Amino acid sequence: MYKKPGYPKLVIDLNKLRNNIEHVRKMCDEQDVEIAGVIKGCSGLIPCARQFERAGCSYIASSRLEQLEPLREAGIQTPLMMVRIPMLSEAEDVVRICDYSLNSEVTVLRELNVQARLQDREHNVILMADCGDLREGFWDKDEMVDVAEMVEKELKNLHLAGVGVNVGCYGSVLATPEKIQELVDIAERIEERIGRELEIISGGATSSLMRVIDGNLPSRVNMLRCGEGILLNYDLPHLYGYEMDNMYQDAFKLRAEVIEVKDKPSHPVGEIGFDAFGHQVQYEDRGIRRRALVGLGKCDYGDPSELICCEEGAEVLGASSDHTILDVQDVKRDLQVGDIIEFDIKYATLVYLTNSPNIDKVYI
């Protein structure tokens, strides 16, 4: 029987991950903000999820039930949250597996109530407002207030735990104080209607950590749903210029084996058509260059432009399904077949790699 030799592999430093979680949690604790640690970026890997629990996150969250269900079997007791609005067809499992879910459809809310009654339990729901990013959520805020009242008064097996918003994930809308305040205003309208205070006002995801760092998060926001900013710590320093030196960017490291090293033309030779994925690619002619192939490709990580090669002097040129092509002309060491090259990664790459059965996961 074939046994994989160990490469490519994703090396996961659990101590660095734990450090990142604790740093974000403590930063948010100072402003009375709880953290829902989102594990979808690492595909719900149980050793990673355990770090979120041990570091004191108030909730563990994912968009996939298949990532959340094994956590209970693994002994994790932190409340579980479904952060993709549920499909109608999975309402029974949402109630069975999760303590909380984010919602924006009355039909689904009614079905969750039915399933909670059948399972003799109460399910906590957070109603989502669309404040301009145009992903999930109520656009009509009068409707949202009416639905909140309906949940409170009619759906006896649901508990209206709070409200939430998403910004930045689809429409690239910034999590400005004014934008998040829109959610607080909606929450207060709902509270006036139902006659009590909501427990949760969830003011967004990693992009909303900017408001915590700057100290201008609207005061009533008391929960954020954070994944990328903990797992990789890439977006805030690299895209928005925040100093995050107390956190690691290499808790996840990709290692791949060199399978070919040769001098070749830098421009394809022949009539140019489409690549294996149906794209027309522009190639730069730089003459004969030293090139190396490593044994993984787009099937494993998606977009080669998201790979950050740690080998000084190397450049990622592109990839096919199963090969990644590097320009290594300026690499100082004499690369040979069988050598290992390391890569830092971005969020989308991490999702692919942790989902791929072809990538060994090694914990240190």
Protein backbone atom coordinates (compact mmCIF):
# COMPACT_ATOMS: atom_id res chain seq x y z
CA MET A 1 0.00 0.00 0.00
CA TYR A 2 1.28 3.48 -0.89
CA LYS A 3 2.51 5.49 2.07
CA LYS A 4 3.06 9.23 1.65
CA PRO A 5 6.66 10.29 2.30
CA GLY A 6 5.61 13.31 4.37
CA TYR A 7 5.66 16.15 1.85
CA PRO A 8 3.99 18.43 1.16
CA LYS A 9 3.17 19.20 4.77
CA LEU A 10 1.63 21.97 6.79
CA VAL A 11 3.52 22.55 10.03
CA ILE A 12 1.29 23.99 12.74
CA ASP A 13 2.93 25.58 15.78
CA LEU A 14 0.27 25.30 18.48
CA ASN A 15 2.21 27.48 20.94
CA LYS A 16 2.34 30.33 18.43
CA LEU A 17 -1.35 29.89 17.69
CA ARG A 18 -2.15 29.93 21.40
CA ASN A 19 -0.09 33.10 21.82
CA ASN A 20 -2.06 34.81 19.05
CA ILE A 21 -5.41 33.82 20.55
CA GLU A 22 -4.43 34.98 24.03
CA HIS A 23 -3.12 38.30 22.73
CA VAL A 24 -6.36 39.09 20.89
CA ARG A 25 -8.49 37.90 23.78
CA LYS A 26 -6.63 40.04 26.32
CA MET A 27 -6.75 43.05 24.03
CA CYS A 28 -10.51 42.65 23.72
CA ASP A 29 -10.97 41.87 27.44
CA GLU A 30 -9.74 45.38 28.21
CA GLN A 31 -12.79 46.74 26.38
CA ASP A 32 -15.25 44.11 27.69
CA VAL A 33 -15.46 42.44 24.30
CA GLU A 34 -15.79 38.66 24.08
CA ILE A 35 -14.22 36.64 21.29
CA ALA A 36 -15.84 33.96 19.16
CA GLY A 37 -12.82 32.12 17.83
CA VAL A 38 -13.54 31.19 14.21
CA ILE A 39 -11.93 27.89 13.20
CA LYS A 40 -13.15 27.67 9.60
CA GLY A 41 -9.82 29.05 8.35
CA CYS A 42 -8.05 25.97 9.67
CA SER A 43 -10.94 23.69 8.63
CA GLY A 44 -11.85 22.95 12.23
CA LEU A 45 -8.68 20.97 13.01
CA ILE A 46 -9.28 19.74 16.55
CA PRO A 47 -5.80 20.49 17.96
CA CYS A 48 -6.25 24.08 16.75
CA ALA A 49 -9.77 24.31 18.16
CA ARG A 50 -8.45 23.17 21.55
CA GLN A 51 -6.15 26.20 21.64
CA PHE A 52 -9.16 28.51 21.28
CA GLU A 53 -10.78 26.84 24.28
CA ARG A 54 -7.61 26.82 26.39
CA ALA A 55 -6.93 30.47 25.59
CA GLY A 56 -10.32 31.43 26.99
CA CYS A 57 -12.48 32.27 23.97
CA SER A 58 -16.13 32.63 24.94
CA TYR A 59 -17.33 30.78 21.82
CA ILE A 60 -15.88 28.58 19.10
CA ALA A 61 -17.36 29.29 15.69
CA SER A 62 -17.39 27.93 12.16
CA SER A 63 -19.45 28.12 9.00
CA ARG A 64 -19.47 24.31 8.69
CA LEU A 65 -21.34 21.91 10.91
CA GLU A 66 -18.94 19.13 9.98
CA GLN A 67 -16.19 21.14 11.65
CA LEU A 68 -18.19 21.81 14.81
CA GLU A 69 -19.73 18.40 15.49
CA PRO A 70 -16.42 16.59 16.23
CA LEU A 71 -15.49 19.16 18.88
CA ARG A 72 -17.93 17.78 21.41
CA GLU A 73 -16.67 14.25 20.81
CA ALA A 74 -13.16 15.61 21.45
CA GLY A 75 -14.25 16.95 24.84
CA ILE A 76 -14.38 20.66 23.97
CA GLN A 77 -17.07 22.32 26.10
CA THR A 78 -16.96 25.93 24.86
CA PRO A 79 -20.30 27.06 23.37
CA LEU A 80 -20.42 26.46 19.61
CA MET A 81 -21.61 29.03 17.08
CA MET A 82 -22.66 28.60 13.43
CA VAL A 83 -21.48 31.74 11.63
CA ARG A 84 -22.91 31.04 8.18
CA ILE A 85 -26.65 31.55 8.12
CA PRO A 86 -28.13 28.03 8.16
CA MET A 87 -29.55 26.20 5.19
CA LEU A 88 -33.16 25.25 5.77
CA SER A 89 -32.23 21.62 5.19
CA GLU A 90 -29.70 21.61 8.05
CA ALA A 91 -31.90 23.20 10.71
CA GLU A 92 -32.20 19.96 12.69
CA ASP A 93 -28.42 19.57 12.87
CA VAL A 94 -27.84 23.23 13.65
CA VAL A 95 -29.99 22.87 16.75
CA ARG A 96 -28.43 19.52 17.67
CA ILE A 97 -24.82 20.64 17.28
CA CYS A 98 -24.72 24.38 17.94
CA ASP A 99 -25.58 26.57 20.89
CA TYR A 100 -25.83 29.69 18.71
CA SER A 101 -26.52 30.48 15.08
CA LEU A 102 -26.59 33.65 12.96
CA ASN A 103 -29.85 34.17 11.06
CA SER A 104 -31.58 36.42 8.55
CA GLU A 105 -34.54 34.41 7.20
CA VAL A 106 -37.91 33.99 8.89
CA THR A 107 -38.51 30.61 7.26
CA VAL A 108 -35.31 29.23 8.74
CA LEU A 109 -36.03 30.75 12.15
CA ARG A 110 -39.41 29.03 12.23
CA GLU A 111 -37.83 25.71 11.31
CA LEU A 112 -35.14 26.12 13.96
CA ASN A 113 -37.91 26.67 16.46
CA VAL A 114 -39.67 23.48 15.34
CA GLN A 115 -36.46 21.48 15.58
CA ALA A 116 -35.62 22.94 19.00
CA ARG A 117 -39.07 21.95 20.25
CA LEU A 118 -38.65 18.42 18.89
CA GLN A 119 -35.27 18.16 20.60
CA ASP A 120 -36.64 19.66 23.82
CA ARG A 121 -34.08 22.42 23.95
CA GLU A 122 -33.69 26.17 23.55
CA HIS A 123 -31.54 27.46 20.69
CA ASN A 124 -29.87 30.88 20.76
CA VAL A 125 -30.15 33.05 17.65
CA ILE A 126 -28.37 36.21 16.59
CA LEU A 127 -30.15 38.28 13.93
CA MET A 128 -27.85 39.69 11.28
CA ALA A 129 -28.13 43.21 9.89
CA ASP A 130 -26.83 44.10 6.43
CA CYS A 131 -25.27 47.52 6.88
CA GLY A 132 -23.87 47.76 3.38
CA ASP A 133 -21.44 44.89 2.76
CA LEU A 134 -24.27 43.09 0.93
CA ARG A 135 -23.68 39.60 2.21
CA GLU A 136 -26.11 38.15 4.77
CA GLY A 137 -28.50 40.16 6.91
CA PHE A 138 -31.73 42.15 6.97
CA TRP A 139 -31.52 45.14 4.63
CA ASP A 140 -34.91 46.45 5.74
CA LYS A 141 -34.28 47.37 9.38
CA ASP A 142 -37.98 47.79 10.13
CA GLU A 143 -38.41 44.17 9.07
CA MET A 144 -35.51 43.18 11.31
CA VAL A 145 -37.14 44.80 14.34
CA ASP A 146 -40.45 43.09 13.53
CA VAL A 147 -38.74 39.71 13.19
CA ALA A 148 -36.90 40.23 16.46
CA GLU A 149 -40.24 40.82 18.17
CA MET A 150 -41.65 37.70 16.54
CA VAL A 151 -38.74 35.57 17.77
CA GLU A 152 -39.10 37.03 21.25
CA LYS A 153 -42.86 36.56 21.56
CA GLU A 154 -43.82 33.67 19.26
CA LEU A 155 -40.91 31.27 18.79
CA LYS A 156 -40.81 29.81 22.26
CA ASN A 157 -37.91 27.42 21.69
CA LEU A 158 -35.64 30.15 20.37
CA HIS A 159 -33.86 32.71 22.50
CA LEU A 160 -33.09 36.04 20.87
CA ALA A 161 -29.52 36.38 22.12
CA GLY A 162 -28.55 39.42 20.09
CA VAL A 163 -27.72 41.03 16.78
CA GLY A 164 -24.68 41.02 14.54
CA VAL A 165 -23.18 42.51 11.42
CA ASN A 166 -20.63 41.49 8.81
CA VAL A 167 -18.43 44.01 7.02
CA GLY A 168 -15.49 43.59 4.68
CA CYS A 169 -15.98 39.99 3.60
CA TYR A 170 -17.85 40.62 0.35
CA GLY A 171 -18.38 44.30 -0.31
CA SER A 172 -15.03 45.45 1.17
CA VAL A 173 -16.88 47.91 3.44
CA LEU A 174 -14.62 49.19 6.21
CA ALA A 175 -15.52 48.59 9.84
CA THR A 176 -15.60 52.29 10.71
CA PRO A 177 -17.01 53.41 14.07
CA GLU A 178 -19.95 54.96 12.22
CA LYS A 179 -20.70 51.73 10.35
CA ILE A 180 -20.65 49.60 13.50
CA GLN A 181 -22.72 52.19 15.33
CA GLU A 182 -25.48 51.45 12.80
CA LEU A 183 -25.73 47.98 14.37
CA VAL A 184 -25.89 49.43 17.88
CA ASP A 185 -28.71 51.72 16.79
CA ILE A 186 -30.65 48.74 15.43
CA ALA A 187 -30.02 46.81 18.64
CA GLU A 188 -31.43 49.62 20.71
CA ARG A 189 -34.54 49.80 18.53
CA ILE A 190 -35.04 46.08 19.11
CA GLU A 191 -34.48 46.43 22.85
CA GLU A 192 -37.09 49.17 23.04
CA ARG A 193 -39.55 46.95 21.16
CA ILE A 194 -39.02 43.77 23.23
CA GLY A 195 -38.53 45.53 26.57
CA ARG A 196 -35.17 44.04 27.57
CA GLU A 197 -31.46 44.31 26.84
CA LEU A 198 -29.84 41.99 24.33
CA GLU A 199 -26.92 39.92 25.60
CA ILE A 200 -24.87 40.07 22.40
CA ILE A 201 -24.05 42.86 19.97
CA SER A 202 -21.57 41.26 17.59
CA GLY A 203 -19.76 44.01 15.73
CA GLY A 204 -18.03 42.03 13.01
CA ALA A 205 -14.92 39.97 12.44
CA THR A 206 -11.15 40.49 12.21
CA SER A 207 -11.59 43.81 10.37
CA SER A 208 -13.37 45.17 13.45
CA LEU A 209 -10.27 44.56 15.57
CA MET A 210 -9.03 47.86 14.12
CA ARG A 211 -11.63 49.57 16.26
CA VAL A 212 -10.40 47.75 19.38
CA ILE A 213 -6.80 48.74 18.66
CA ASP A 214 -7.78 52.36 17.99
CA GLY A 215 -10.04 52.46 21.04
CA ASN A 216 -13.10 53.64 19.09
CA LEU A 217 -15.30 50.56 19.02
CA PRO A 218 -18.86 51.65 19.86
CA SER A 219 -19.26 51.00 23.57
CA ARG A 220 -22.17 48.58 23.40
CA VAL A 221 -20.45 46.15 21.04
CA ASN A 222 -19.45 43.23 23.23
CA MET A 223 -18.49 40.41 20.87
CA LEU A 224 -16.36 39.94 17.74
CA ARG A 225 -15.97 36.84 15.57
CA CYS A 226 -12.27 36.49 14.80
CA GLY A 227 -10.44 34.00 12.61
CA GLU A 228 -7.81 35.33 10.19
CA GLY A 229 -6.47 37.94 12.60
CA ILE A 230 -5.70 35.16 15.06
CA LEU A 231 -4.63 32.33 12.76
CA LEU A 232 -2.33 34.28 10.45
CA ASN A 233 -2.14 37.90 11.66
CA TYR A 234 -1.62 39.03 8.07
CA ASP A 235 -4.42 41.42 7.09
CA LEU A 236 -4.11 44.00 9.87
CA PRO A 237 -0.36 44.63 9.52
CA HIS A 238 -0.01 44.13 5.76
CA LEU A 239 -3.26 45.58 4.42
CA TYR A 240 -4.07 48.20 7.03
CA GLY A 241 -0.69 49.09 8.49
CA TYR A 242 -1.28 48.12 12.12
CA GLU A 243 1.70 47.13 14.24
CA MET A 244 1.05 43.59 15.46
CA ASP A 245 4.56 42.66 16.58
CA ASN A 246 3.34 40.73 19.62
CA MET A 247 1.68 38.15 17.37
CA TYR A 248 3.09 35.50 15.05
CA GLN A 249 2.50 35.35 11.31
CA ASP A 250 4.01 31.88 10.92
CA ALA A 251 1.91 29.68 13.17
CA PHE A 252 1.16 27.80 9.94
CA LYS A 253 4.05 26.98 7.62
CA LEU A 254 3.93 25.08 4.33
CA ARG A 255 6.83 22.84 3.33
CA ALA A 256 7.19 21.35 -0.14
CA GLU A 257 9.77 19.11 -1.79
CA VAL A 258 11.75 20.10 -4.87
CA ILE A 259 11.09 17.63 -7.69
CA GLU A 260 12.99 19.28 -10.57
CA VAL A 261 15.74 21.90 -10.96
CA LYS A 262 16.76 22.98 -14.49
CA ASP A 263 17.75 25.94 -16.61
CA LYS A 264 14.88 26.76 -19.00
CA PRO A 265 13.51 29.64 -21.07
CA SER A 266 11.36 32.02 -19.06
CA HIS A 267 8.83 32.35 -21.90
CA PRO A 268 6.89 29.33 -23.26
CA VAL A 269 8.09 28.20 -26.68
CA GLY A 270 5.29 27.74 -29.23
CA GLU A 271 1.89 29.17 -30.06
CA ILE A 272 0.21 30.38 -26.86
CA GLY A 273 -3.34 29.30 -26.03
CA PHE A 274 -4.92 28.62 -22.63
CA ASP A 275 -3.52 27.03 -19.48
CA ALA A 276 -5.03 23.97 -17.78
CA PHE A 277 -7.62 26.14 -16.02
CA GLY A 278 -8.79 27.93 -19.17
CA HIS A 279 -6.89 31.16 -18.51
CA GLN A 280 -4.83 33.24 -20.91
CA VAL A 281 -1.59 34.10 -19.13
CA GLN A 282 0.97 36.78 -19.93
CA TYR A 283 4.58 35.58 -19.60
CA GLU A 284 7.65 37.79 -19.22
CA ASP A 285 10.66 36.87 -21.32
CA ARG A 286 13.73 37.12 -19.09
CA GLY A 287 15.88 34.72 -21.03
CA ILE A 288 17.19 31.43 -19.69
CA ARG A 289 16.59 31.15 -15.95
CA ARG A 290 17.10 28.55 -13.23
CA ARG A 291 13.72 27.07 -12.37
CA ALA A 292 12.57 24.64 -9.69
CA LEU A 293 9.36 22.66 -9.41
CA VAL A 294 7.88 21.63 -6.08
CA GLY A 295 5.43 18.80 -5.63
CA LEU A 296 2.12 20.51 -4.98
CA GLY A 297 -0.18 22.70 -7.03
CA LYS A 298 -3.45 24.57 -7.33
CA CYS A 299 -5.42 21.47 -6.27
CA ASP A 300 -3.76 21.79 -2.87
CA TYR A 301 -3.78 25.53 -2.18
CA GLY A 302 -5.74 27.42 -4.84
CA ASP A 303 -3.94 30.56 -5.99
CA PRO A 304 -0.12 30.47 -6.30
CA SER A 305 0.04 34.26 -5.96
CA GLU A 306 -1.07 33.76 -2.33
CA LEU A 307 2.09 31.77 -1.51
CA ILE A 308 4.91 33.69 0.18
CA CYS A 309 8.17 31.86 -0.54
CA CYS A 310 10.58 31.96 2.40
CA GLU A 311 13.57 31.00 0.24
CA GLU A 312 15.57 34.20 -0.23
CA GLY A 313 15.84 35.04 -3.91
CA ALA A 314 13.06 32.68 -5.05
CA GLU A 315 9.95 33.85 -6.88
CA VAL A 316 6.70 31.96 -7.35
CA LEU A 317 5.97 32.08 -11.09
CA GLY A 318 2.76 30.09 -11.22
CA ALA A 319 1.32 26.61 -10.98
CA SER A 320 -0.66 23.87 -12.62
CA SER A 321 -2.86 21.39 -10.77
CA ASP A 322 0.03 19.50 -9.18
CA HIS A 323 3.21 21.51 -9.85
CA THR A 324 4.35 24.89 -8.53
CA ILE A 325 7.02 26.66 -10.60
CA LEU A 326 9.64 28.84 -8.95
CA ASP A 327 12.32 31.10 -10.41
CA VAL A 328 15.39 30.25 -8.32
CA GLN A 329 18.05 32.01 -10.39
CA ASP A 330 18.94 34.29 -7.48
CA VAL A 331 18.74 31.71 -4.70
CA LYS A 332 22.04 31.52 -2.82
CA ARG A 333 22.05 27.83 -1.97
CA ASP A 334 22.56 25.17 -4.62
CA LEU A 335 19.04 23.76 -4.73
CA GLN A 336 18.83 20.06 -5.48
CA VAL A 337 16.02 17.59 -6.08
CA GLY A 338 14.78 16.44 -2.68
CA ASP A 339 15.43 19.76 -0.93
CA ILE A 340 12.61 21.35 1.06
CA ILE A 341 11.31 24.87 0.50
CA GLU A 342 9.13 26.71 3.03
CA PHE A 343 6.25 29.07 2.36
CA ASP A 344 4.24 31.44 4.48
CA ILE A 345 0.59 31.53 3.52
CA LYS A 346 -2.49 33.73 3.41
CA TYR A 347 -6.02 33.01 4.58
CA ALA A 348 -7.48 31.46 1.44
CA THR A 349 -4.39 29.26 1.07
CA LEU A 350 -4.78 28.06 4.65
CA VAL A 351 -8.39 27.06 3.99
CA TYR A 352 -7.36 24.99 0.97
CA LEU A 353 -4.37 23.37 2.65
CA THR A 354 -6.17 22.33 5.80
CA ASN A 355 -8.99 20.89 3.68
CA SER A 356 -6.68 18.94 1.38
CA PRO A 357 -6.15 15.22 2.14
CA ASN A 358 -2.92 15.45 0.15
CA ILE A 359 -1.31 17.75 2.71
CA ASP A 360 0.11 16.20 5.89
CA LYS A 361 -0.64 18.20 9.01
CA VAL A 362 2.14 18.17 11.59
CA TYR A 363 1.76 19.79 15.02
CA ILE A 364 4.71 21.12 16.98
